[in-house]
Amino acid sequence: MSAFSIVVYSLCAVYMVLNFKYDIQMLQQNSYRIPRYWKWLRSNIGSSWRLVDVALLFLLWSVLLDVRLSMLIIAAACLTKIWIILTRKYKKPLAFTRRVWRIYSVTALLSLGGFIAVAVCCGSRPDIWGLYPAPVITLGTLLLITILSWAVVILAVIILMPVENAINRRYWNDADRILRSMPDLTVIGITGSYGKTSTKHYLNRILSESFDVLMTPGSYNTPMGVIRTVREMMKPFNQIFICEMGAKQKGDIKEICDLVHPDMGIITAVGPMHLESFKSIENVQSTKFELADALPAGGVAVINNDFEYCANRPVNNTTALRYGVMSSDGCQYFASDVVYGPDGTTFIVNGPDGLRLPLATSLLGECNVSDLLAAVIIALRLGVPHEKIQYAVASIEQVEHRLSMARTPAGVTIIDDAFNSNPAGSKMAVDVLSHFKGGKRIIVTPGMIELGSEQKALNEKFGEYIGKGVDVVIVVGEYNREAIMAGIRKAGFKEDNLYPVASFAEAQKLLSTLLAPGDTVLYENDLPDTFK
C-alpha cells in the first residue's frame, strides 16, 4: 500500500470516527431511547451533511475520474468535515459521560473493524471481481459506514444493553442501600407537566431555614439522575431529600417512587406536554399521579387545582391538600391580593384556620406565585415558622432561564424564559411582558414542542395571544413558524413588526437594529439542537 493511500485512508478513518459524535449527541438528547432517536432520525436522515457523503460515494464508484483524483477529493472533503466537527458549537453539546464513552468505543470498534477487514481483504488484489480497483472498494466501505453511522450507533446501543442493565441495577441497589440506612429522612417528591424545577428550588430555599436539605440538582429528574444524586451527594446528616421526578411515558414516576419511597409530594400541573409519547392528556394525568398513589397513608399530596386534570383526579390513599391562584374553589390554600411591580410580586397565602401569610418576592409571573404557594404549603406542614418562610421567599433568587429578569447597561430589560416552554407558562410570560409599558415589547420565540397532535393548534393559539399584547414578534426557526404566524395574523397584528428568522443568531442580529432604551425583550423557549 502506498504512502498516499495510507494518508487518505487514515484521514477518512478519523472523519468516520468523529462523525459518530453528532449521532451519539442526538441519541443522548433523546434519552438514549432507540424509538425516540429513530423518530428524530426519520426527519433528519436526508440532511445535507449525509448527502455530501452519498455524493462522494457515487463519485468514487462511478469511476468517472482517475481513482487517485477521486481519493484526493474525498480526502479534502473529509478534512473539511473534520474541521467543521471540531469547531461547530451546539446549544447542548455532547456530555461525555461513561455511558457515552462506552457507546462511542463500541461504535468505533465496529466501524474500524469492518473498515480494516475490508482493507486487508482487498489489499493484495489489483481489483475486485474485475470491476473496481481495491482502493475504490476500501474507501467506498468507509463512506458507506459513515452514511449509515446512525445504524452503527443503534447497533452499539443494542450490544451494550446487557452491560447497561447490569450497571444500572448495581447503581440502583447501592442507592437503595443508602436510603434504607436513613430511616428518619423525609423524602418530598415533586412532579408536574411544568413548574417542578422552580418549585424544587423554592422549596429547597425555604426548608433550608430549618432543616439540612438535599435536592436533585439541575434536571436530574430521571431514575438514573436520582440514583446519581443519592450515591454521590447524600450525606448521613441530611434531614430532607427533595426529589424532582420527570416523565416521558407511563411508569416513569412510579419507577422513581419505588426507589425513594416519598413521604410527601407536590403535583404542580397536568397539561399537554410530551403528548407525542403519552398520546393523551389522560395518560399524562395517570403518570403524574403515580406520585400521589405512592404516598403512605400518613403522607401529604399537595395538588395544584388550577389545572382541570389535577382538580378532577381524586386522591384517597393519603391526605390531599389542594391549592390555587386562579381560583379558590375546592382549595384548602389559595393566593390572593397578587400585585406585580417593577421590583417583583406581593401576595397573601390563605389557608385553614384563618391563615393569612403575606409574602413578597422578586420573582415575576403567576406561575412563580403558584410554585411558591406549593412550597409554602409543604413548609407549613413541616412546621417552618412564618417569619422564616417570609424571609426565605423574599431572598429567593430567580431561577436561570425561568422568567428571570435582567437589565442591560443600555437600558433594555431582558426577560429570560427560555427553558422548556409550555402552554400555561408561555401565556403567563406574555402576560408579564405586557406589564412593561416604557418602550417596545418584543418577544423572541420558536414556539412550543412535544405537544403531539395538539402541536399546531396550541402554537397557533399562542401566536394569537402574542398578537394581542406584544409590539414586535421574532419567530425563530421553521418547526412552528407557520402555526405561530397564522395565530399572530389572526389577532390583526401589524405585518411590519413580524419577523421570521432562521436561527437564534439571526434573531440577535435583528435585535441589535431594533432595540432602544426602555424596550423589553422576552426570550420564550429555546429549542434544542434536534429541532430546526
Protein backbone atom coordinates (compact mmCIF):
# COMPACT_ATOMS: atom_id res chain seq x y z
CA MET A 1 0.00 0.00 0.00
CA SER A 2 1.39 3.39 -1.00
CA ALA A 3 2.03 6.26 1.38
CA PHE A 4 -0.64 8.23 -0.50
CA SER A 5 -3.28 5.54 0.19
CA ILE A 6 -2.29 5.28 3.86
CA VAL A 7 -2.67 9.04 4.36
CA VAL A 8 -6.06 9.10 2.60
CA TYR A 9 -7.35 6.05 4.49
CA SER A 10 -6.15 7.44 7.83
CA LEU A 11 -7.73 10.83 7.22
CA CYS A 12 -11.04 9.30 6.17
CA ALA A 13 -10.99 6.87 9.11
CA VAL A 14 -10.55 9.81 11.53
CA TYR A 15 -13.53 11.51 9.89
CA MET A 16 -15.58 8.31 10.14
CA VAL A 17 -14.95 8.04 13.89
CA LEU A 18 -15.52 11.75 14.60
CA ASN A 19 -18.70 11.69 12.52
CA PHE A 20 -20.32 9.43 15.12
CA LYS A 21 -20.16 12.27 17.64
CA TYR A 22 -23.26 14.02 16.27
CA ASP A 23 -25.29 10.81 16.08
CA ILE A 24 -24.43 9.97 19.68
CA GLN A 25 -25.20 13.57 20.70
CA MET A 26 -28.71 13.27 19.22
CA LEU A 27 -29.10 9.86 20.86
CA GLN A 28 -28.23 11.45 24.20
CA GLN A 29 -30.73 14.29 23.67
CA ASN A 30 -33.34 11.60 23.00
CA SER A 31 -32.57 9.96 26.38
CA TYR A 32 -30.69 7.03 24.77
CA ARG A 33 -34.06 5.60 23.73
CA ILE A 34 -33.94 4.00 20.30
CA PRO A 35 -37.64 4.64 19.43
CA ARG A 36 -37.26 8.38 20.20
CA TYR A 37 -33.94 8.55 18.36
CA TRP A 38 -35.45 6.77 15.38
CA LYS A 39 -38.34 9.24 15.30
CA TRP A 40 -35.88 12.13 15.19
CA LEU A 41 -33.80 10.31 12.60
CA ARG A 42 -36.69 9.83 10.16
CA SER A 43 -36.99 13.59 9.67
CA ASN A 44 -33.23 14.22 9.55
CA ILE A 45 -31.79 11.22 7.70
CA GLY A 46 -31.69 13.16 4.44
CA SER A 47 -29.61 16.02 5.82
CA SER A 48 -27.19 17.82 3.54
CA TRP A 49 -24.34 16.54 5.73
CA ARG A 50 -25.13 12.92 4.80
CA LEU A 51 -25.92 13.79 1.19
CA VAL A 52 -22.36 15.07 0.70
CA ASP A 53 -21.06 11.64 1.73
CA VAL A 54 -23.54 9.97 -0.64
CA ALA A 55 -22.30 12.20 -3.47
CA LEU A 56 -18.67 11.30 -2.66
CA LEU A 57 -19.58 7.60 -2.72
CA PHE A 58 -21.20 7.90 -6.15
CA LEU A 59 -18.22 9.88 -7.41
CA LEU A 60 -15.90 7.10 -6.25
CA TRP A 61 -17.93 4.17 -7.56
CA SER A 62 -18.80 5.83 -10.88
CA VAL A 63 -15.09 5.76 -11.83
CA LEU A 64 -15.64 8.96 -13.82
CA LEU A 65 -12.34 10.28 -12.56
CA ASP A 66 -8.95 8.73 -12.04
CA VAL A 67 -9.05 6.77 -8.78
CA ARG A 68 -6.22 8.78 -7.22
CA LEU A 69 -8.00 12.06 -8.07
CA SER A 70 -11.26 10.76 -6.54
CA MET A 71 -9.37 9.72 -3.42
CA LEU A 72 -7.79 13.18 -3.21
CA ILE A 73 -11.21 14.90 -3.48
CA ILE A 74 -12.67 12.60 -0.80
CA ALA A 75 -9.68 13.26 1.48
CA ALA A 76 -10.15 17.02 1.07
CA ALA A 77 -13.88 16.72 1.86
CA CYS A 78 -13.14 14.61 4.95
CA LEU A 79 -10.55 17.09 6.15
CA THR A 80 -13.08 19.92 5.78
CA LYS A 81 -15.69 17.95 7.69
CA ILE A 82 -13.22 17.12 10.46
CA TRP A 83 -12.60 20.85 10.90
CA ILE A 84 -16.37 21.55 11.00
CA ILE A 85 -16.95 18.80 13.60
CA LEU A 86 -14.18 20.10 15.84
CA THR A 87 -15.26 23.75 15.67
CA ARG A 88 -19.07 23.59 15.49
CA LYS A 89 -20.92 24.93 18.54
CA TYR A 90 -24.19 23.49 19.88
CA LYS A 91 -26.75 24.75 22.38
CA LYS A 92 -26.41 21.48 24.27
CA PRO A 93 -23.11 19.81 23.41
CA LEU A 94 -22.48 16.12 23.88
CA ALA A 95 -21.81 15.30 27.54
CA PHE A 96 -19.04 12.70 27.57
CA THR A 97 -20.41 10.51 30.35
CA ARG A 98 -19.14 7.00 30.95
CA ARG A 99 -22.13 5.67 29.04
CA VAL A 100 -21.27 7.87 26.06
CA TRP A 101 -17.68 6.64 26.11
CA ARG A 102 -18.94 3.04 26.11
CA ILE A 103 -21.24 3.70 23.14
CA TYR A 104 -18.54 5.64 21.32
CA SER A 105 -15.95 2.91 21.91
CA VAL A 106 -18.17 0.10 20.64
CA THR A 107 -19.23 2.22 17.66
CA ALA A 108 -15.60 2.98 16.77
CA LEU A 109 -14.56 -0.68 17.17
CA LEU A 110 -17.39 -1.89 14.94
CA SER A 111 -16.73 0.65 12.21
CA LEU A 112 -12.92 0.47 12.26
CA GLY A 113 -13.08 -3.32 12.48
CA GLY A 114 -15.26 -3.50 9.38
CA PHE A 115 -13.11 -0.99 7.53
CA ILE A 116 -9.82 -2.72 8.40
CA ALA A 117 -11.25 -6.14 7.49
CA VAL A 118 -12.22 -4.89 4.03
CA ALA A 119 -8.87 -3.13 3.61
CA VAL A 120 -6.95 -6.32 4.47
CA CYS A 121 -9.08 -8.48 2.15
CA CYS A 122 -8.69 -6.05 -0.74
CA GLY A 123 -5.11 -5.05 -0.08
CA SER A 124 -3.48 -7.85 -2.07
CA ARG A 125 -5.79 -7.64 -5.09
CA PRO A 126 -5.49 -5.26 -8.03
CA ASP A 127 -9.27 -5.22 -8.44
CA ILE A 128 -12.43 -6.84 -7.06
CA TRP A 129 -14.40 -9.17 -9.35
CA GLY A 130 -12.82 -7.38 -12.28
CA LEU A 131 -14.99 -4.34 -11.62
CA TYR A 132 -13.35 -1.91 -9.19
CA PRO A 133 -9.79 -1.26 -8.04
CA ALA A 134 -9.21 -2.30 -4.43
CA PRO A 135 -8.93 1.31 -3.14
CA VAL A 136 -12.42 2.06 -4.52
CA ILE A 137 -13.95 -0.81 -2.54
CA THR A 138 -11.99 0.01 0.62
CA LEU A 139 -12.71 3.73 0.58
CA GLY A 140 -16.30 3.09 -0.53
CA THR A 141 -16.80 0.87 2.52
CA LEU A 142 -15.60 3.68 4.77
CA LEU A 143 -18.01 6.17 3.15
CA LEU A 144 -20.87 3.68 3.37
CA ILE A 145 -20.26 3.17 7.10
CA THR A 146 -20.22 6.96 7.53
CA ILE A 147 -23.52 7.36 5.66
CA LEU A 148 -25.05 4.62 7.85
CA SER A 149 -23.44 5.92 11.05
CA TRP A 150 -26.87 6.06 12.74
CA ALA A 151 -27.29 2.30 12.19
CA VAL A 152 -23.88 1.57 13.74
CA VAL A 153 -24.79 3.71 16.78
CA ILE A 154 -28.10 1.85 17.21
CA LEU A 155 -26.26 -1.48 16.91
CA ALA A 156 -23.78 -0.38 19.58
CA VAL A 157 -26.65 0.56 21.93
CA ILE A 158 -28.27 -2.86 21.40
CA ILE A 159 -24.97 -4.68 22.01
CA LEU A 160 -24.44 -2.70 25.22
CA MET A 161 -27.94 -3.25 26.62
CA PRO A 162 -26.97 -6.17 28.94
CA VAL A 163 -23.98 -4.15 30.18
CA GLU A 164 -26.06 -1.02 30.81
CA ASN A 165 -28.77 -3.02 32.59
CA ALA A 166 -26.20 -4.64 34.87
CA ILE A 167 -24.56 -1.30 35.66
CA ASN A 168 -27.91 0.37 36.31
CA ARG A 169 -29.01 -2.46 38.63
CA ARG A 170 -25.78 -2.17 40.63
CA TYR A 171 -26.23 1.60 40.97
CA TRP A 172 -29.91 1.13 41.91
CA ASN A 173 -29.04 -1.35 44.66
CA ASP A 174 -26.38 0.96 46.05
CA ALA A 175 -28.79 3.94 46.15
CA ASP A 176 -31.44 1.76 47.77
CA ARG A 177 -28.95 0.70 50.45
CA ILE A 178 -28.08 4.33 51.23
CA LEU A 179 -31.73 5.37 51.51
CA ARG A 180 -32.62 2.39 53.73
CA SER A 181 -29.78 3.37 56.06
CA MET A 182 -31.54 6.71 56.73
CA PRO A 183 -34.98 5.85 58.19
CA ASP A 184 -35.50 9.39 59.55
CA LEU A 185 -35.03 11.04 56.15
CA THR A 186 -38.14 12.83 54.84
CA VAL A 187 -38.48 12.45 51.07
CA ILE A 188 -40.53 15.01 49.14
CA GLY A 189 -41.32 14.19 45.53
CA ILE A 190 -42.14 16.92 43.02
CA THR A 191 -43.63 16.28 39.60
CA GLY A 192 -45.81 18.03 37.05
CA SER A 193 -46.01 18.89 33.38
CA TYR A 194 -44.30 22.19 34.23
CA GLY A 195 -43.20 24.16 37.27
CA LYS A 196 -41.49 21.29 39.06
CA THR A 197 -37.92 22.58 38.78
CA SER A 198 -38.81 26.07 40.02
CA THR A 199 -40.89 24.60 42.86
CA LYS A 200 -37.94 22.40 43.82
CA HIS A 201 -35.61 25.38 44.10
CA TYR A 202 -38.12 27.46 46.07
CA LEU A 203 -38.87 24.60 48.48
CA ASN A 204 -35.17 23.96 49.00
CA ARG A 205 -34.57 27.61 49.89
CA ILE A 206 -37.49 27.76 52.35
CA LEU A 207 -36.84 24.43 54.08
CA SER A 208 -33.13 25.23 54.41
CA GLU A 209 -34.10 27.80 57.04
CA SER A 210 -34.96 24.93 59.43
CA PHE A 211 -33.52 21.70 58.01
CA ASP A 212 -30.49 20.19 56.33
CA VAL A 213 -31.79 19.71 52.78
CA LEU A 214 -30.56 17.89 49.70
CA MET A 215 -32.29 18.34 46.35
CA THR A 216 -31.70 16.72 42.98
CA PRO A 217 -29.54 19.23 41.07
CA GLY A 218 -30.19 20.66 37.60
CA SER A 219 -32.56 18.45 35.66
CA TYR A 220 -31.60 15.23 37.43
CA ASN A 221 -35.21 14.06 37.29
CA THR A 222 -34.79 10.62 35.73
CA PRO A 223 -34.25 7.37 37.68
CA MET A 224 -30.52 7.43 36.92
CA GLY A 225 -30.32 11.13 37.80
CA VAL A 226 -31.94 10.45 41.17
CA ILE A 227 -29.68 7.45 41.74
CA ARG A 228 -26.62 9.55 40.97
CA THR A 229 -27.79 12.23 43.42
CA VAL A 230 -28.24 9.69 46.22
CA ARG A 231 -24.94 7.89 45.59
CA GLU A 232 -22.78 10.97 45.10
CA MET A 233 -24.40 13.71 47.20
CA MET A 234 -26.45 12.18 50.02
CA LYS A 235 -24.94 12.68 53.48
CA PRO A 236 -25.91 10.87 56.72
CA PHE A 237 -26.94 14.18 58.33
CA ASN A 238 -29.42 15.17 55.58
CA GLN A 239 -32.93 15.55 57.00
CA ILE A 240 -34.91 16.33 53.83
CA PHE A 241 -34.49 14.97 50.30
CA ILE A 242 -36.34 16.94 47.61
CA CYS A 243 -36.64 14.70 44.58
CA GLU A 244 -37.72 16.11 41.22
CA MET A 245 -39.45 13.45 39.12
CA GLY A 246 -39.71 13.77 35.34
CA ALA A 247 -41.61 11.51 32.96
CA LYS A 248 -41.80 10.85 29.24
CA GLN A 249 -44.01 7.76 29.45
CA LYS A 250 -46.26 5.86 31.86
CA GLY A 251 -44.44 4.21 34.74
CA ASP A 252 -41.54 6.69 34.87
CA ILE A 253 -42.72 8.35 38.11
CA LYS A 254 -43.56 5.01 39.73
CA GLU A 255 -40.05 3.77 38.97
CA ILE A 256 -38.52 6.67 40.91
CA CYS A 257 -41.06 6.30 43.75
CA ASP A 258 -40.22 2.60 44.06
CA LEU A 259 -36.66 3.68 44.86
CA VAL A 260 -37.06 6.75 47.09
CA HIS A 261 -40.44 5.96 48.76
CA PRO A 262 -41.66 9.59 49.13
CA ASP A 263 -43.40 10.76 52.32
CA MET A 264 -44.83 13.93 50.75
CA GLY A 265 -45.44 15.02 47.18
CA ILE A 266 -46.27 18.05 45.04
CA ILE A 267 -48.06 17.82 41.69
CA THR A 268 -47.59 21.22 40.09
CA ALA A 269 -49.56 20.74 36.86
CA VAL A 270 -51.09 18.31 34.41
CA GLY A 271 -51.00 19.73 30.91
CA PRO A 272 -50.41 18.82 27.26
CA MET A 273 -46.66 18.21 27.49
CA HIS A 274 -44.89 15.22 25.85
CA LEU A 275 -48.11 14.19 24.12
CA GLU A 276 -46.01 12.61 21.36
CA SER A 277 -45.04 9.88 23.82
CA PHE A 278 -48.03 9.98 26.20
CA LYS A 279 -50.63 10.15 23.37
CA SER A 280 -53.37 11.62 25.60
CA ILE A 281 -53.83 14.06 28.49
CA GLU A 282 -55.38 11.20 30.50
CA ASN A 283 -52.10 9.29 30.25
CA VAL A 284 -50.23 12.39 31.43
CA GLN A 285 -52.61 12.62 34.39
CA SER A 286 -52.26 8.98 35.43
CA THR A 287 -48.45 9.21 35.18
CA LYS A 288 -48.14 12.39 37.27
CA PHE A 289 -50.47 10.96 39.90
CA GLU A 290 -48.23 7.92 40.26
CA LEU A 291 -46.53 10.15 42.86
CA ALA A 292 -49.74 10.62 44.87
CA ASP A 293 -50.54 6.91 44.56
CA ALA A 294 -47.13 6.02 46.02
CA LEU A 295 -47.55 8.11 49.19
CA PRO A 296 -48.25 6.39 52.52
CA ALA A 297 -51.49 6.84 54.46
CA GLY A 298 -49.76 9.32 56.76
CA GLY A 299 -48.30 11.33 53.89
CA VAL A 300 -49.40 14.54 52.17
CA ALA A 301 -50.12 15.22 48.50
CA VAL A 302 -50.09 18.92 47.54
CA ILE A 303 -52.02 19.34 44.28
CA ASN A 304 -52.49 22.36 42.00
CA ASN A 305 -56.22 22.70 41.40
CA ASP A 306 -55.72 25.44 38.79
CA PHE A 307 -55.38 22.63 36.26
CA GLU A 308 -58.50 20.68 35.32
CA TYR A 309 -56.76 17.32 35.23
CA CYS A 310 -55.36 17.91 38.71
CA ALA A 311 -58.67 19.09 40.16
CA ASN A 312 -60.76 16.23 38.76
CA ARG A 313 -58.46 13.44 39.96
CA PRO A 314 -59.44 12.13 43.44
CA VAL A 315 -56.75 11.08 45.94
CA ASN A 316 -57.99 8.67 48.61
CA ASN A 317 -54.87 6.87 49.86
CA THR A 318 -53.32 9.86 51.64
CA THR A 319 -54.08 13.42 52.78
CA ALA A 320 -54.65 15.70 49.77
CA LEU A 321 -54.12 19.45 50.13
CA ARG A 322 -55.21 21.43 47.08
CA TYR A 323 -54.10 24.93 46.16
CA GLY A 324 -54.80 27.55 43.53
CA VAL A 325 -54.01 31.03 42.27
CA MET A 326 -56.65 31.44 39.59
CA SER A 327 -59.47 30.13 41.78
CA SER A 328 -60.02 29.08 45.38
CA ASP A 329 -62.76 26.54 44.56
CA GLY A 330 -62.07 23.23 46.27
CA CYS A 331 -58.76 24.51 47.67
CA GLN A 332 -57.50 24.43 51.24
CA TYR A 333 -54.86 27.01 50.29
CA PHE A 334 -55.02 29.84 47.76
CA ALA A 335 -53.16 33.03 46.86
CA SER A 336 -54.92 36.38 46.88
CA ASP A 337 -54.08 40.10 46.56
CA VAL A 338 -51.42 39.33 43.92
CA VAL A 339 -49.70 42.57 42.89
CA TYR A 340 -46.92 42.81 40.27
CA GLY A 341 -44.44 45.67 40.29
CA PRO A 342 -41.04 46.59 38.87
CA ASP A 343 -39.35 45.06 41.92
CA GLY A 344 -41.32 41.80 41.96
CA THR A 345 -44.56 40.46 43.38
CA THR A 346 -46.52 40.57 46.63
CA PHE A 347 -49.34 38.21 47.57
CA ILE A 348 -51.11 36.60 50.53
CA VAL A 349 -51.26 32.87 51.28
CA ASN A 350 -54.70 31.96 52.64
CA GLY A 351 -55.23 28.65 54.42
CA PRO A 352 -57.13 26.71 57.08
CA ASP A 353 -57.89 28.22 60.49
CA GLY A 354 -57.87 31.75 59.14
CA LEU A 355 -54.26 31.65 57.89
CA ARG A 356 -53.23 34.85 56.08
CA LEU A 357 -49.49 34.93 55.39
CA PRO A 358 -48.27 37.99 53.42
CA LEU A 359 -45.27 37.34 51.19
CA ALA A 360 -43.04 39.45 48.93
CA THR A 361 -40.69 38.13 46.25
CA SER A 362 -38.50 39.46 43.48
CA LEU A 363 -39.98 36.81 41.17
CA LEU A 364 -42.42 37.72 38.42
CA GLY A 365 -45.46 35.95 37.00
CA GLU A 366 -48.45 33.99 38.19
CA CYS A 367 -46.58 30.74 37.56
CA ASN A 368 -43.99 31.70 40.18
CA VAL A 369 -46.71 32.60 42.69
CA SER A 370 -48.22 29.16 42.12
CA ASP A 371 -44.88 27.38 42.55
CA LEU A 372 -44.11 29.38 45.71
CA LEU A 373 -47.53 28.55 47.13
CA ALA A 374 -46.89 24.81 46.77
CA ALA A 375 -43.52 25.15 48.51
CA VAL A 376 -45.02 27.23 51.34
CA ILE A 377 -47.71 24.59 52.00
CA ILE A 378 -45.06 21.90 52.48
CA ALA A 379 -43.03 24.23 54.72
CA LEU A 380 -46.10 24.94 56.86
CA ARG A 381 -46.82 21.21 57.20
CA LEU A 382 -43.23 20.64 58.35
CA GLY A 383 -43.52 23.38 60.97
CA VAL A 384 -41.28 26.08 59.48
CA PRO A 385 -42.11 29.36 61.33
CA HIS A 386 -43.93 32.07 59.37
CA GLU A 387 -41.16 34.61 59.74
CA LYS A 388 -38.61 32.17 58.32
CA ILE A 389 -40.88 31.46 55.36
CA GLN A 390 -41.27 35.20 54.72
CA TYR A 391 -37.53 35.78 54.92
CA ALA A 392 -36.73 32.86 52.60
CA VAL A 393 -39.34 33.84 50.00
CA ALA A 394 -38.06 37.43 49.98
CA SER A 395 -34.48 36.25 49.41
CA ILE A 396 -35.22 33.69 46.67
CA GLU A 397 -33.23 34.43 43.55
CA GLN A 398 -34.60 34.00 40.08
CA VAL A 399 -34.05 30.56 38.52
CA GLU A 400 -31.97 30.90 35.36
CA HIS A 401 -33.98 30.73 32.12
CA ARG A 402 -37.29 30.56 34.01
CA LEU A 403 -38.87 34.01 33.75
CA SER A 404 -35.71 35.60 35.15
CA MET A 405 -35.20 39.32 34.58
CA ALA A 406 -32.11 41.44 33.98
CA ARG A 407 -31.36 44.94 32.71
CA THR A 408 -28.58 45.77 30.29
CA PRO A 409 -26.34 48.87 30.60
CA ALA A 410 -28.18 50.22 27.53
CA GLY A 411 -31.47 50.34 29.47
CA VAL A 412 -33.08 47.26 27.91
CA THR A 413 -34.96 44.80 30.12
CA ILE A 414 -34.37 41.12 29.33
CA ILE A 415 -36.92 38.51 30.47
CA ASP A 416 -35.42 35.04 30.05
CA ASP A 417 -37.99 32.25 29.93
CA ALA A 418 -36.02 30.08 27.53
CA PHE A 419 -36.25 26.80 29.41
CA ASN A 420 -38.93 24.30 28.37
CA SER A 421 -41.87 26.46 27.32
CA ASN A 422 -45.41 25.14 27.71
CA PRO A 423 -48.94 26.46 27.01
CA ALA A 424 -49.65 27.77 30.51
CA GLY A 425 -46.14 29.10 31.15
CA SER A 426 -45.84 30.80 27.76
CA LYS A 427 -49.16 32.58 28.27
CA MET A 428 -48.04 33.81 31.69
CA ALA A 429 -44.73 35.00 30.24
CA VAL A 430 -46.56 37.09 27.65
CA ASP A 431 -48.76 38.46 30.45
CA VAL A 432 -45.63 39.57 32.32
CA LEU A 433 -44.24 41.18 29.17
CA SER A 434 -47.48 43.09 28.64
CA HIS A 435 -47.00 44.86 32.02
CA PHE A 436 -43.92 46.68 30.68
CA LYS A 437 -45.06 49.94 29.09
CA GLY A 438 -41.87 52.04 28.84
CA GLY A 439 -40.84 51.01 25.31
CA LYS A 440 -41.33 48.32 22.71
CA ARG A 441 -42.39 44.90 23.99
CA ILE A 442 -40.51 42.31 21.93
CA ILE A 443 -40.84 38.53 22.02
CA VAL A 444 -38.32 36.07 20.53
CA THR A 445 -39.70 32.54 20.31
CA PRO A 446 -39.58 29.30 18.31
CA GLY A 447 -42.86 28.17 19.92
CA MET A 448 -43.58 25.02 21.90
CA ILE A 449 -42.69 21.39 21.25
CA GLU A 450 -43.69 17.82 22.20
CA LEU A 451 -47.42 18.61 22.07
CA GLY A 452 -48.38 15.70 19.83
CA SER A 453 -51.50 16.17 17.71
CA GLU A 454 -52.15 19.48 19.54
CA GLN A 455 -48.83 20.97 18.36
CA LYS A 456 -50.19 23.14 15.56
CA ALA A 457 -53.39 24.25 17.34
CA LEU A 458 -51.64 25.23 20.58
CA ASN A 459 -48.88 27.15 18.79
CA GLU A 460 -51.47 28.97 16.69
CA LYS A 461 -53.36 29.86 19.86
CA PHE A 462 -50.09 31.02 21.39
CA GLY A 463 -49.46 33.20 18.34
CA GLU A 464 -52.90 34.75 18.64
CA TYR A 465 -52.25 35.58 22.30
CA ILE A 466 -48.88 37.11 21.40
CA GLY A 467 -50.51 39.27 18.76
CA LYS A 468 -52.76 40.95 21.32
CA GLY A 469 -50.14 42.03 23.86
CA VAL A 470 -46.78 42.48 22.12
CA ASP A 471 -45.32 45.18 19.84
CA VAL A 472 -42.65 43.21 17.94
CA VAL A 473 -42.51 39.46 17.26
CA ILE A 474 -39.46 37.48 16.11
CA VAL A 475 -40.32 33.87 15.21
CA VAL A 476 -37.22 31.65 15.25
CA GLY A 477 -36.80 28.54 13.10
CA GLU A 478 -39.12 26.52 10.89
CA TYR A 479 -40.68 23.99 13.26
CA ASN A 480 -43.65 26.08 14.47
CA ARG A 481 -43.33 29.11 12.19
CA GLU A 482 -46.46 28.55 10.12
CA ALA A 483 -48.74 27.95 13.12
CA ILE A 484 -47.43 30.87 15.21
CA MET A 485 -47.59 33.34 12.34
CA ALA A 486 -51.13 32.22 11.47
CA GLY A 487 -52.23 32.96 15.04
CA ILE A 488 -50.45 36.32 15.11
CA ARG A 489 -52.12 37.38 11.88
CA LYS A 490 -55.48 36.23 13.18
CA ALA A 491 -55.05 38.73 16.03
CA GLY A 492 -54.69 41.57 13.49
CA PHE A 493 -51.01 42.15 14.28
CA LYS A 494 -49.07 44.62 12.13
CA GLU A 495 -47.16 42.68 9.49
CA ASP A 496 -44.31 45.23 9.57
CA ASN A 497 -43.47 44.19 13.14
CA LEU A 498 -43.44 40.44 12.45
CA TYR A 499 -40.02 38.94 11.66
CA PRO A 500 -39.46 35.25 10.80
CA VAL A 501 -35.77 34.30 11.13
CA ALA A 502 -33.85 31.08 10.61
CA SER A 503 -31.86 30.95 13.85
CA PHE A 504 -31.32 32.46 17.26
CA ALA A 505 -28.09 34.06 16.00
CA GLU A 506 -30.06 35.78 13.23
CA ALA A 507 -32.60 36.96 15.83
CA GLN A 508 -29.77 38.53 17.86
CA LYS A 509 -28.50 40.42 14.81
CA LEU A 510 -32.01 41.69 14.10
CA LEU A 511 -32.49 42.79 17.72
CA SER A 512 -29.34 44.90 17.54
CA THR A 513 -31.08 47.03 14.89
CA LEU A 514 -34.41 47.27 16.73
CA LEU A 515 -33.60 47.86 20.41
CA ALA A 516 -33.74 51.22 22.13
CA PRO A 517 -33.54 52.24 25.83
CA GLY A 518 -36.73 51.31 27.67
CA ASP A 519 -37.50 48.29 25.46
CA THR A 520 -38.24 44.86 26.94
CA VAL A 521 -37.29 41.56 25.29
CA LEU A 522 -38.85 38.22 26.25
CA TYR A 523 -36.96 35.09 25.20
CA GLU A 524 -39.68 32.44 25.28
CA ASN A 525 -38.31 28.92 24.84
CA ASP A 526 -35.16 27.80 23.08
CA LEU A 527 -35.46 24.58 21.10
CA PRO A 528 -32.66 22.01 21.40
CA ASP A 529 -30.39 21.03 18.51
CA THR A 530 -32.77 18.23 17.49
CA PHE A 531 -35.19 20.80 16.02
CA LYS A 532 -34.79 23.10 13.02
